[in-house]
């Protein structure tokens, strides 16, 4: 979701410069910064931006300046100056106030929007002719940067996903030995106890069967394989997939947690820890994906 872009366009009257920058955000948000006299153009600007993004906080800064052949006569808003002078006089006239306030040039210049020029009061049509092409150019630059960053992010995520798949495969391979080890330990304990119990006794077989059912992770492995496939499909899609990838990360974490709770084996538990470490790194990266 993060990115930066610039665009510029000049007409016979105005030069528009647009800068775009975005940061992570769950929803799409567009903030437009430009002279207030052109606020009526904000809806068109937001519409163009939202055609390109579905998540992230995008800030669009628009600056306008007169073209070299445009007039730029400086003007002071006389009405604002007179209103300020009248207010100062009202304060001076307050009984028992003893005020002798005076209006200074510095006071005038501090008034908001006190200075205007012919160029920054251009009509909306003239301003739009400069702003929209500059915005479109900036969006192209912005999207190219995001695509470049996204390609690196995709490769890093694929590498970590391969690590997850490797850990899952090792878990699947090692899993049958857990039951075998439990059966051997049970037989060993019975033998060491000196009890004369037939190892084919139904009670022993039932105990082994219950343990086998408790530590069976075949369903979790199957779901992990399905999630891995879907994860790659989302990464290869040209549609926004950040939310879907984040959800899949939660599901992957759920499956590894279940395997960990069923593990009852140090080696298998270590594979789960390794997998969750890689998964957490993937989740951190996915937070930046639209």
C-alpha atoms as a PDB file:
ATOM      1  CA  UNK A   1       0.000   0.000   0.000  1.00  0.00           C
ATOM      2  CA  UNK A   2       2.915   2.385   0.500  1.00  0.00           C
ATOM      3  CA  UNK A   3       4.107   4.403  -2.456  1.00  0.00           C
ATOM      4  CA  UNK A   4       5.022   7.804  -3.833  1.00  0.00           C
ATOM      5  CA  UNK A   5       4.434   9.534  -7.144  1.00  0.00           C
ATOM      6  CA  UNK A   6       4.706  12.910  -8.859  1.00  0.00           C
ATOM      7  CA  UNK A   7       2.981  14.502 -11.799  1.00  0.00           C
ATOM      8  CA  UNK A   8       3.116  17.892 -13.497  1.00  0.00           C
ATOM      9  CA  UNK A   9       1.108  19.581 -16.214  1.00  0.00           C
ATOM     10  CA  UNK A  10       1.206  23.097 -17.615  1.00  0.00           C
ATOM     11  CA  UNK A  11      -1.412  25.076 -19.483  1.00  0.00           C
ATOM     12  CA  UNK A  12      -1.170  28.586 -20.850  1.00  0.00           C
ATOM     13  CA  UNK A  13      -2.482  29.882 -17.526  1.00  0.00           C
ATOM     14  CA  UNK A  14      -1.330  27.492 -14.779  1.00  0.00           C
ATOM     15  CA  UNK A  15       1.296  24.931 -13.850  1.00  0.00           C
ATOM     16  CA  UNK A  16      -0.019  22.129 -11.626  1.00  0.00           C
ATOM     17  CA  UNK A  17       2.334  19.962  -9.583  1.00  0.00           C
ATOM     18  CA  UNK A  18       0.915  16.916  -7.809  1.00  0.00           C
ATOM     19  CA  UNK A  19       2.612  14.716  -5.215  1.00  0.00           C
ATOM     20  CA  UNK A  20       1.032  11.482  -3.982  1.00  0.00           C
ATOM     21  CA  UNK A  21       2.088   9.408  -0.981  1.00  0.00           C
ATOM     22  CA  UNK A  22       0.353   6.542   0.774  1.00  0.00           C
ATOM     23  CA  UNK A  23       0.658   4.591   4.009  1.00  0.00           C
ATOM     24  CA  UNK A  24      -1.018   1.466   5.352  1.00  0.00           C
ATOM     25  CA  UNK A  25      -4.664   1.550   6.323  1.00  0.00           C
ATOM     26  CA  UNK A  26      -7.369  -1.127   6.470  1.00  0.00           C
ATOM     27  CA  UNK A  27      -9.773   0.940   4.364  1.00  0.00           C
ATOM     28  CA  UNK A  28      -9.257   3.352   1.481  1.00  0.00           C
ATOM     29  CA  UNK A  29      -8.902   7.002   2.463  1.00  0.00           C
ATOM     30  CA  UNK A  30      -7.980   9.917   0.196  1.00  0.00           C
ATOM     31  CA  UNK A  31      -6.826  13.252   1.600  1.00  0.00           C
ATOM     32  CA  UNK A  32      -6.596  16.159  -0.850  1.00  0.00           C
ATOM     33  CA  UNK A  33      -4.461  19.172  -0.013  1.00  0.00           C
ATOM     34  CA  UNK A  34      -4.886  22.145  -2.369  1.00  0.00           C
ATOM     35  CA  UNK A  35      -6.007  25.799  -2.326  1.00  0.00           C
ATOM     36  CA  UNK A  36      -9.437  26.030  -0.769  1.00  0.00           C
ATOM     37  CA  UNK A  37     -10.866  27.950  -3.682  1.00  0.00           C
ATOM     38  CA  UNK A  38     -10.683  24.736  -5.718  1.00  0.00           C
ATOM     39  CA  UNK A  39     -12.424  22.477  -3.191  1.00  0.00           C
ATOM     40  CA  UNK A  40     -15.203  21.832  -5.701  1.00  0.00           C
ATOM     41  CA  UNK A  41     -12.718  19.732  -7.684  1.00  0.00           C
ATOM     42  CA  UNK A  42     -12.069  17.387  -4.757  1.00  0.00           C
ATOM     43  CA  UNK A  43     -14.832  14.935  -5.719  1.00  0.00           C
ATOM     44  CA  UNK A  44     -13.327  14.415  -9.198  1.00  0.00           C
ATOM     45  CA  UNK A  45      -9.852  14.047  -7.720  1.00  0.00           C
ATOM     46  CA  UNK A  46     -10.992  11.480  -5.143  1.00  0.00           C
ATOM     47  CA  UNK A  47     -12.876   9.521  -7.796  1.00  0.00           C
ATOM     48  CA  UNK A  48      -9.759   9.203  -9.968  1.00  0.00           C
ATOM     49  CA  UNK A  49      -7.666   8.135  -6.988  1.00  0.00           C
ATOM     50  CA  UNK A  50     -10.174   5.545  -5.755  1.00  0.00           C
ATOM     51  CA  UNK A  51     -10.184   3.934  -9.192  1.00  0.00           C
ATOM     52  CA  UNK A  52      -6.574   2.970  -8.465  1.00  0.00           C
ATOM     53  CA  UNK A  53      -6.590   2.033  -4.778  1.00  0.00           C
ATOM     54  CA  UNK A  54      -8.864  -0.040  -2.547  1.00  0.00           C
ATOM     55  CA  UNK A  55      -6.849   0.175   0.699  1.00  0.00           C
ATOM     56  CA  UNK A  56      -4.398   2.620   2.218  1.00  0.00           C
ATOM     57  CA  UNK A  57      -4.339   6.279   3.169  1.00  0.00           C
ATOM     58  CA  UNK A  58      -3.440   8.327   0.099  1.00  0.00           C
ATOM     59  CA  UNK A  59      -2.433  11.965   0.491  1.00  0.00           C
ATOM     60  CA  UNK A  60      -2.587  14.115  -2.646  1.00  0.00           C
ATOM     61  CA  UNK A  61      -0.814  17.466  -2.457  1.00  0.00           C
ATOM     62  CA  UNK A  62      -1.617  19.868  -5.295  1.00  0.00           C
ATOM     63  CA  UNK A  63       0.295  23.086  -5.908  1.00  0.00           C
ATOM     64  CA  UNK A  64      -0.553  25.661  -8.557  1.00  0.00           C
ATOM     65  CA  UNK A  65       1.509  28.500  -9.906  1.00  0.00           C
ATOM     66  CA  UNK A  66       1.037  30.847 -12.823  1.00  0.00           C
ATOM     67  CA  UNK A  67       2.528  30.025 -16.175  1.00  0.00           C
ATOM     68  CA  UNK A  68       5.328  32.325 -17.296  1.00  0.00           C
ATOM     69  CA  UNK A  69       2.989  34.267 -19.567  1.00  0.00           C
ATOM     70  CA  UNK A  70       0.160  34.532 -17.016  1.00  0.00           C
ATOM     71  CA  UNK A  71      -0.691  37.602 -15.017  1.00  0.00           C
ATOM     72  CA  UNK A  72       0.179  37.555 -11.309  1.00  0.00           C
ATOM     73  CA  UNK A  73      -0.966  40.914  -9.976  1.00  0.00           C
ATOM     74  CA  UNK A  74      -0.824  40.958  -6.165  1.00  0.00           C
ATOM     75  CA  UNK A  75      -3.978  42.102  -4.350  1.00  0.00           C
ATOM     76  CA  UNK A  76      -4.985  42.637  -0.725  1.00  0.00           C
ATOM     77  CA  UNK A  77      -8.474  41.792   0.455  1.00  0.00           C
ATOM     78  CA  UNK A  78      -9.598  45.284   1.461  1.00  0.00           C
ATOM     79  CA  UNK A  79     -12.770  44.103   3.180  1.00  0.00           C
ATOM     80  CA  UNK A  80     -10.814  41.925   5.603  1.00  0.00           C
ATOM     81  CA  UNK A  81      -8.455  44.785   6.463  1.00  0.00           C
ATOM     82  CA  UNK A  82     -11.352  47.171   7.120  1.00  0.00           C
ATOM     83  CA  UNK A  83     -13.111  44.565   9.265  1.00  0.00           C
ATOM     84  CA  UNK A  84      -9.975  44.094  11.354  1.00  0.00           C
ATOM     85  CA  UNK A  85      -9.559  47.861  11.724  1.00  0.00           C
ATOM     86  CA  UNK A  86     -13.162  48.200  12.862  1.00  0.00           C
ATOM     87  CA  UNK A  87     -12.710  45.466  15.477  1.00  0.00           C
ATOM     88  CA  UNK A  88      -9.555  47.125  16.824  1.00  0.00           C
ATOM     89  CA  UNK A  89     -11.383  50.439  17.071  1.00  0.00           C
ATOM     90  CA  UNK A  90     -14.238  48.736  18.937  1.00  0.00           C
ATOM     91  CA  UNK A  91     -11.774  47.440  21.513  1.00  0.00           C
ATOM     92  CA  UNK A  92     -10.193  50.866  21.885  1.00  0.00           C
ATOM     93  CA  UNK A  93     -13.637  52.386  22.482  1.00  0.00           C
ATOM     94  CA  UNK A  94     -14.466  50.056  25.350  1.00  0.00           C
ATOM     95  CA  UNK A  95     -15.088  52.130  28.503  1.00  0.00           C
ATOM     96  CA  UNK A  96     -12.406  51.898  31.159  1.00  0.00           C
ATOM     97  CA  UNK A  97     -10.334  49.565  28.919  1.00  0.00           C
ATOM     98  CA  UNK A  98      -7.617  52.132  28.363  1.00  0.00           C
ATOM     99  CA  UNK A  99      -6.537  50.438  25.146  1.00  0.00           C
ATOM    100  CA  UNK A 100      -4.665  52.175  22.347  1.00  0.00           C
ATOM    101  CA  UNK A 101      -4.308  49.367  19.844  1.00  0.00           C
ATOM    102  CA  UNK A 102      -2.988  50.136  16.373  1.00  0.00           C
ATOM    103  CA  UNK A 103      -3.162  48.120  13.174  1.00  0.00           C
ATOM    104  CA  UNK A 104       0.293  47.284  11.760  1.00  0.00           C
ATOM    105  CA  UNK A 105       1.330  45.789   8.413  1.00  0.00           C
ATOM    106  CA  UNK A 106       2.350  42.615  10.256  1.00  0.00           C
ATOM    107  CA  UNK A 107      -1.161  42.292  11.653  1.00  0.00           C
ATOM    108  CA  UNK A 108      -2.594  42.576   8.146  1.00  0.00           C
ATOM    109  CA  UNK A 109      -0.294  39.901   6.709  1.00  0.00           C
ATOM    110  CA  UNK A 110      -1.289  37.474   9.467  1.00  0.00           C
ATOM    111  CA  UNK A 111      -4.884  37.468   8.258  1.00  0.00           C
ATOM    112  CA  UNK A 112      -5.747  34.179   6.488  1.00  0.00           C
ATOM    113  CA  UNK A 113      -5.914  34.449   2.679  1.00  0.00           C
ATOM    114  CA  UNK A 114      -5.333  38.205   2.841  1.00  0.00           C
ATOM    115  CA  UNK A 115      -3.148  38.195  -0.269  1.00  0.00           C
ATOM    116  CA  UNK A 116      -4.452  37.013  -3.617  1.00  0.00           C
ATOM    117  CA  UNK A 117      -3.144  37.020  -7.162  1.00  0.00           C
ATOM    118  CA  UNK A 118      -4.882  36.772 -10.464  1.00  0.00           C
ATOM    119  CA  UNK A 119      -3.448  33.298 -11.011  1.00  0.00           C
ATOM    120  CA  UNK A 120      -4.642  31.722  -7.751  1.00  0.00           C
ATOM    121  CA  UNK A 121      -8.161  32.886  -8.355  1.00  0.00           C
ATOM    122  CA  UNK A 122      -8.363  31.137 -11.726  1.00  0.00           C
ATOM    123  CA  UNK A 123     -11.751  29.682 -12.536  1.00  0.00           C
ATOM    124  CA  UNK A 124     -12.429  26.014 -11.816  1.00  0.00           C
ATOM    125  CA  UNK A 125     -12.365  24.998 -15.474  1.00  0.00           C
ATOM    126  CA  UNK A 126      -8.913  26.504 -15.966  1.00  0.00           C
ATOM    127  CA  UNK A 127      -7.632  24.890 -12.782  1.00  0.00           C
ATOM    128  CA  UNK A 128      -9.103  21.516 -13.679  1.00  0.00           C
ATOM    129  CA  UNK A 129      -7.403  21.582 -17.081  1.00  0.00           C
ATOM    130  CA  UNK A 130      -4.058  21.737 -15.274  1.00  0.00           C
ATOM    131  CA  UNK A 131      -4.778  19.576 -12.227  1.00  0.00           C
ATOM    132  CA  UNK A 132      -6.396  16.469 -13.740  1.00  0.00           C
ATOM    133  CA  UNK A 133      -3.605  15.657 -16.269  1.00  0.00           C
ATOM    134  CA  UNK A 134      -1.001  16.240 -13.548  1.00  0.00           C
ATOM    135  CA  UNK A 135      -2.939  13.945 -11.215  1.00  0.00           C
ATOM    136  CA  UNK A 136      -3.179  11.202 -13.837  1.00  0.00           C
ATOM    137  CA  UNK A 137       0.566  11.418 -14.469  1.00  0.00           C
ATOM    138  CA  UNK A 138       1.205  11.272 -10.737  1.00  0.00           C
ATOM    139  CA  UNK A 139      -1.035   8.227 -10.359  1.00  0.00           C
ATOM    140  CA  UNK A 140       0.897   6.421 -13.100  1.00  0.00           C
ATOM    141  CA  UNK A 141       4.162   7.141 -11.293  1.00  0.00           C
ATOM    142  CA  UNK A 142       2.586   6.159  -7.975  1.00  0.00           C
ATOM    143  CA  UNK A 143       1.264   2.826  -9.271  1.00  0.00           C
ATOM    144  CA  UNK A 144       4.573   1.977 -10.956  1.00  0.00           C
ATOM    145  CA  UNK A 145       6.406   2.427  -7.663  1.00  0.00           C
ATOM    146  CA  UNK A 146       3.872   0.305  -5.815  1.00  0.00           C
ATOM    147  CA  UNK A 147       4.102  -2.405  -8.470  1.00  0.00           C
ATOM    148  CA  UNK A 148       7.906  -2.449  -8.203  1.00  0.00           C
ATOM    149  CA  UNK A 149       7.792  -2.668  -4.423  1.00  0.00           C
ATOM    150  CA  UNK A 150       5.036  -5.273  -4.656  1.00  0.00           C
ATOM    151  CA  UNK A 151       7.111  -7.553  -6.901  1.00  0.00           C
ATOM    152  CA  UNK A 152       9.902  -7.645  -4.307  1.00  0.00           C
ATOM    153  CA  UNK A 153       7.361  -8.221  -1.542  1.00  0.00           C
ATOM    154  CA  UNK A 154       5.776 -11.055  -3.517  1.00  0.00           C
ATOM    155  CA  UNK A 155       9.095 -12.838  -3.995  1.00  0.00           C
ATOM    156  CA  UNK A 156       9.960 -12.521  -0.320  1.00  0.00           C
ATOM    157  CA  UNK A 157       6.527 -13.905   0.626  1.00  0.00           C
ATOM    158  CA  UNK A 158       6.873 -16.825  -1.814  1.00  0.00           C
ATOM    159  CA  UNK A 159      10.260 -17.706  -0.331  1.00  0.00           C
ATOM    160  CA  UNK A 160       8.819 -17.743   3.173  1.00  0.00           C
ATOM    161  CA  UNK A 161       5.790 -19.694   1.979  1.00  0.00           C
ATOM    162  CA  UNK A 162       8.157 -22.358   0.629  1.00  0.00           C
ATOM    163  CA  UNK A 163       9.721 -22.531   4.095  1.00  0.00           C
ATOM    164  CA  UNK A 164       6.261 -23.068   5.574  1.00  0.00           C
ATOM    165  CA  UNK A 165       5.543 -25.842   3.094  1.00  0.00           C
ATOM    166  CA  UNK A 166       8.857 -27.469   3.961  1.00  0.00           C
ATOM    167  CA  UNK A 167       8.048 -27.410   7.678  1.00  0.00           C
ATOM    168  CA  UNK A 168       4.586 -28.842   6.991  1.00  0.00           C
ATOM    169  CA  UNK A 169       6.109 -31.648   4.905  1.00  0.00           C
ATOM    170  CA  UNK A 170       8.560 -32.498   7.679  1.00  0.00           C
ATOM    171  CA  UNK A 171       5.690 -32.523  10.182  1.00  0.00           C
ATOM    172  CA  UNK A 172       3.731 -34.886   7.926  1.00  0.00           C
ATOM    173  CA  UNK A 173       6.761 -37.153   7.483  1.00  0.00           C
ATOM    174  CA  UNK A 174       7.597 -37.280  11.173  1.00  0.00           C
ATOM    175  CA  UNK A 175       4.030 -37.651  12.434  1.00  0.00           C
ATOM    176  CA  UNK A 176       3.711 -41.486  12.073  1.00  0.00           C
ATOM    177  CA  UNK A 177       6.780 -41.991  14.260  1.00  0.00           C
ATOM    178  CA  UNK A 178       4.987 -40.294  17.170  1.00  0.00           C
ATOM    179  CA  UNK A 179       2.432 -43.110  17.425  1.00  0.00           C
ATOM    180  CA  UNK A 180       5.136 -45.745  16.986  1.00  0.00           C
ATOM    181  CA  UNK A 181       7.216 -44.166  19.745  1.00  0.00           C
ATOM    182  CA  UNK A 182       4.212 -43.995  22.078  1.00  0.00           C
ATOM    183  CA  UNK A 183       3.413 -47.678  21.500  1.00  0.00           C
ATOM    184  CA  UNK A 184       7.010 -48.673  22.143  1.00  0.00           C
ATOM    185  CA  UNK A 185       7.160 -46.596  25.331  1.00  0.00           C
ATOM    186  CA  UNK A 186       3.890 -48.130  26.546  1.00  0.00           C
ATOM    187  CA  UNK A 187       5.174 -51.628  25.952  1.00  0.00           C
ATOM    188  CA  UNK A 188       8.454 -50.769  27.656  1.00  0.00           C
ATOM    189  CA  UNK A 189       6.712 -49.392  30.747  1.00  0.00           C
ATOM    190  CA  UNK A 190       4.491 -52.463  30.993  1.00  0.00           C
ATOM    191  CA  UNK A 191       7.480 -54.750  30.674  1.00  0.00           C
ATOM    192  CA  UNK A 192       9.444 -52.822  33.298  1.00  0.00           C
ATOM    193  CA  UNK A 193       6.476 -52.923  35.670  1.00  0.00           C
ATOM    194  CA  UNK A 194       6.711 -56.728  35.834  1.00  0.00           C
ATOM    195  CA  UNK A 195       3.015 -57.122  35.089  1.00  0.00           C
ATOM    196  CA  UNK A 196       2.046 -60.156  33.074  1.00  0.00           C
ATOM    197  CA  UNK A 197      -0.074 -58.444  30.452  1.00  0.00           C
ATOM    198  CA  UNK A 198      -0.477 -59.649  26.904  1.00  0.00           C
ATOM    199  CA  UNK A 199       0.561 -56.868  24.517  1.00  0.00           C
ATOM    200  CA  UNK A 200      -2.357 -57.879  22.301  1.00  0.00           C
ATOM    201  CA  UNK A 201      -4.760 -57.229  25.161  1.00  0.00           C
ATOM    202  CA  UNK A 202      -7.780 -55.207  24.075  1.00  0.00           C
ATOM    203  CA  UNK A 203      -7.142 -52.622  26.758  1.00  0.00           C
ATOM    204  CA  UNK A 204      -3.644 -51.934  25.427  1.00  0.00           C
ATOM    205  CA  UNK A 205      -4.864 -51.807  21.859  1.00  0.00           C
ATOM    206  CA  UNK A 206      -7.626 -49.421  22.903  1.00  0.00           C
ATOM    207  CA  UNK A 207      -5.087 -47.163  24.642  1.00  0.00           C
ATOM    208  CA  UNK A 208      -2.901 -47.077  21.552  1.00  0.00           C
ATOM    209  CA  UNK A 209      -5.964 -46.434  19.380  1.00  0.00           C
ATOM    210  CA  UNK A 210      -7.125 -43.538  21.540  1.00  0.00           C
ATOM    211  CA  UNK A 211      -3.668 -41.960  21.402  1.00  0.00           C
ATOM    212  CA  UNK A 212      -3.548 -42.428  17.634  1.00  0.00           C
ATOM    213  CA  UNK A 213      -6.883 -40.650  17.269  1.00  0.00           C
ATOM    214  CA  UNK A 214      -5.810 -37.854  19.607  1.00  0.00           C
ATOM    215  CA  UNK A 215      -2.554 -37.103  17.790  1.00  0.00           C
ATOM    216  CA  UNK A 216      -3.852 -37.606  14.244  1.00  0.00           C
ATOM    217  CA  UNK A 217      -3.064 -34.473  12.220  1.00  0.00           C
ATOM    218  CA  UNK A 218      -4.047 -35.687   8.753  1.00  0.00           C
ATOM    219  CA  UNK A 219      -6.940 -33.210   8.541  1.00  0.00           C
ATOM    220  CA  UNK A 220      -4.691 -30.307   9.518  1.00  0.00           C
ATOM    221  CA  UNK A 221      -2.088 -31.304   6.921  1.00  0.00           C
ATOM    222  CA  UNK A 222      -4.777 -31.503   4.238  1.00  0.00           C
ATOM    223  CA  UNK A 223      -6.106 -28.053   5.121  1.00  0.00           C
ATOM    224  CA  UNK A 224      -2.570 -26.624   5.175  1.00  0.00           C
ATOM    225  CA  UNK A 225      -1.968 -27.906   1.637  1.00  0.00           C
ATOM    226  CA  UNK A 226      -5.239 -26.307   0.522  1.00  0.00           C
ATOM    227  CA  UNK A 227      -4.310 -22.982   2.173  1.00  0.00           C
ATOM    228  CA  UNK A 228      -0.841 -23.010   0.570  1.00  0.00           C
ATOM    229  CA  UNK A 229      -2.381 -23.478  -2.879  1.00  0.00           C
ATOM    230  CA  UNK A 230      -4.912 -20.707  -2.305  1.00  0.00           C
ATOM    231  CA  UNK A 231      -2.174 -18.422  -0.971  1.00  0.00           C
ATOM    232  CA  UNK A 232      -0.200 -18.770  -4.205  1.00  0.00           C
ATOM    233  CA  UNK A 233      -3.339 -18.155  -6.253  1.00  0.00           C
ATOM    234  CA  UNK A 234      -3.948 -14.867  -4.436  1.00  0.00           C
ATOM    235  CA  UNK A 235      -0.326 -13.801  -4.900  1.00  0.00           C
ATOM    236  CA  UNK A 236      -0.605 -14.426  -8.649  1.00  0.00           C
ATOM    237  CA  UNK A 237      -3.905 -12.553  -8.938  1.00  0.00           C
ATOM    238  CA  UNK A 238      -4.010  -9.055 -10.417  1.00  0.00           C
ATOM    239  CA  UNK A 239      -6.856  -8.129  -8.046  1.00  0.00           C
ATOM    240  CA  UNK A 240      -6.456  -6.673  -4.518  1.00  0.00           C
ATOM    241  CA  UNK A 241      -5.857  -9.628  -2.184  1.00  0.00           C
ATOM    242  CA  UNK A 242      -4.497  -8.128   1.032  1.00  0.00           C
ATOM    243  CA  UNK A 243      -7.559  -8.937   3.141  1.00  0.00           C
ATOM    244  CA  UNK A 244      -7.788 -12.472   1.764  1.00  0.00           C
ATOM    245  CA  UNK A 245      -4.093 -13.099   2.398  1.00  0.00           C
ATOM    246  CA  UNK A 246      -4.427 -11.781   5.941  1.00  0.00           C
ATOM    247  CA  UNK A 247      -7.352 -14.158   6.540  1.00  0.00           C
ATOM    248  CA  UNK A 248      -5.340 -17.090   5.149  1.00  0.00           C
ATOM    249  CA  UNK A 249      -2.502 -16.239   7.515  1.00  0.00           C
ATOM    250  CA  UNK A 250      -4.955 -16.537  10.400  1.00  0.00           C
ATOM    251  CA  UNK A 251      -6.142 -19.907   9.115  1.00  0.00           C
ATOM    252  CA  UNK A 252      -2.581 -21.179   8.673  1.00  0.00           C
ATOM    253  CA  UNK A 253      -1.773 -20.083  12.195  1.00  0.00           C
ATOM    254  CA  UNK A 254      -4.866 -21.925  13.466  1.00  0.00           C
ATOM    255  CA  UNK A 255      -3.800 -25.173  11.791  1.00  0.00           C
ATOM    256  CA  UNK A 256      -0.241 -25.005  13.115  1.00  0.00           C
ATOM    257  CA  UNK A 257      -1.580 -24.241  16.595  1.00  0.00           C
ATOM    258  CA  UNK A 258      -3.788 -27.340  16.430  1.00  0.00           C
ATOM    259  CA  UNK A 259      -0.862 -29.463  15.291  1.00  0.00           C
ATOM    260  CA  UNK A 260       1.200 -28.059  18.146  1.00  0.00           C
ATOM    261  CA  UNK A 261      -1.478 -28.963  20.686  1.00  0.00           C
ATOM    262  CA  UNK A 262      -1.601 -32.518  19.298  1.00  0.00           C
ATOM    263  CA  UNK A 263       2.150 -32.864  18.902  1.00  0.00           C
ATOM    264  CA  UNK A 264       3.152 -34.618  22.114  1.00  0.00           C
ATOM    265  CA  UNK A 265       6.598 -34.791  20.550  1.00  0.00           C
ATOM    266  CA  UNK A 266       9.592 -32.439  20.907  1.00  0.00           C
ATOM    267  CA  UNK A 267      10.761 -32.681  17.297  1.00  0.00           C
ATOM    268  CA  UNK A 268       7.302 -32.106  15.878  1.00  0.00           C
ATOM    269  CA  UNK A 269       6.783 -29.182  18.246  1.00  0.00           C
ATOM    270  CA  UNK A 270      10.019 -27.603  17.024  1.00  0.00           C
ATOM    271  CA  UNK A 271       8.791 -27.750  13.422  1.00  0.00           C
ATOM    272  CA  UNK A 272       5.614 -25.994  14.544  1.00  0.00           C
ATOM    273  CA  UNK A 273       7.644 -23.240  16.229  1.00  0.00           C
ATOM    274  CA  UNK A 274       9.750 -22.775  13.071  1.00  0.00           C
ATOM    275  CA  UNK A 275       6.621 -22.598  10.929  1.00  0.00           C
ATOM    276  CA  UNK A 276       4.922 -20.030  13.162  1.00  0.00           C
ATOM    277  CA  UNK A 277       8.080 -17.896  13.125  1.00  0.00           C
ATOM    278  CA  UNK A 278       8.019 -17.767   9.326  1.00  0.00           C
ATOM    279  CA  UNK A 279       4.261 -17.215   9.312  1.00  0.00           C
ATOM    280  CA  UNK A 280       4.581 -14.198  11.591  1.00  0.00           C
ATOM    281  CA  UNK A 281       7.094 -12.655   9.177  1.00  0.00           C
ATOM    282  CA  UNK A 282       4.671 -13.245   6.313  1.00  0.00           C
ATOM    283  CA  UNK A 283       1.850 -11.594   8.263  1.00  0.00           C
ATOM    284  CA  UNK A 284       3.994  -8.528   8.865  1.00  0.00           C
ATOM    285  CA  UNK A 285       4.630  -8.228   5.122  1.00  0.00           C
ATOM    286  CA  UNK A 286       0.992  -8.861   4.197  1.00  0.00           C
ATOM    287  CA  UNK A 287      -0.069  -5.833   6.238  1.00  0.00           C
ATOM    288  CA  UNK A 288       1.450  -3.742   3.437  1.00  0.00           C
ATOM    289  CA  UNK A 289      -0.469  -5.475   0.636  1.00  0.00           C
ATOM    290  CA  UNK A 290      -3.557  -3.958  -0.912  1.00  0.00           C
END
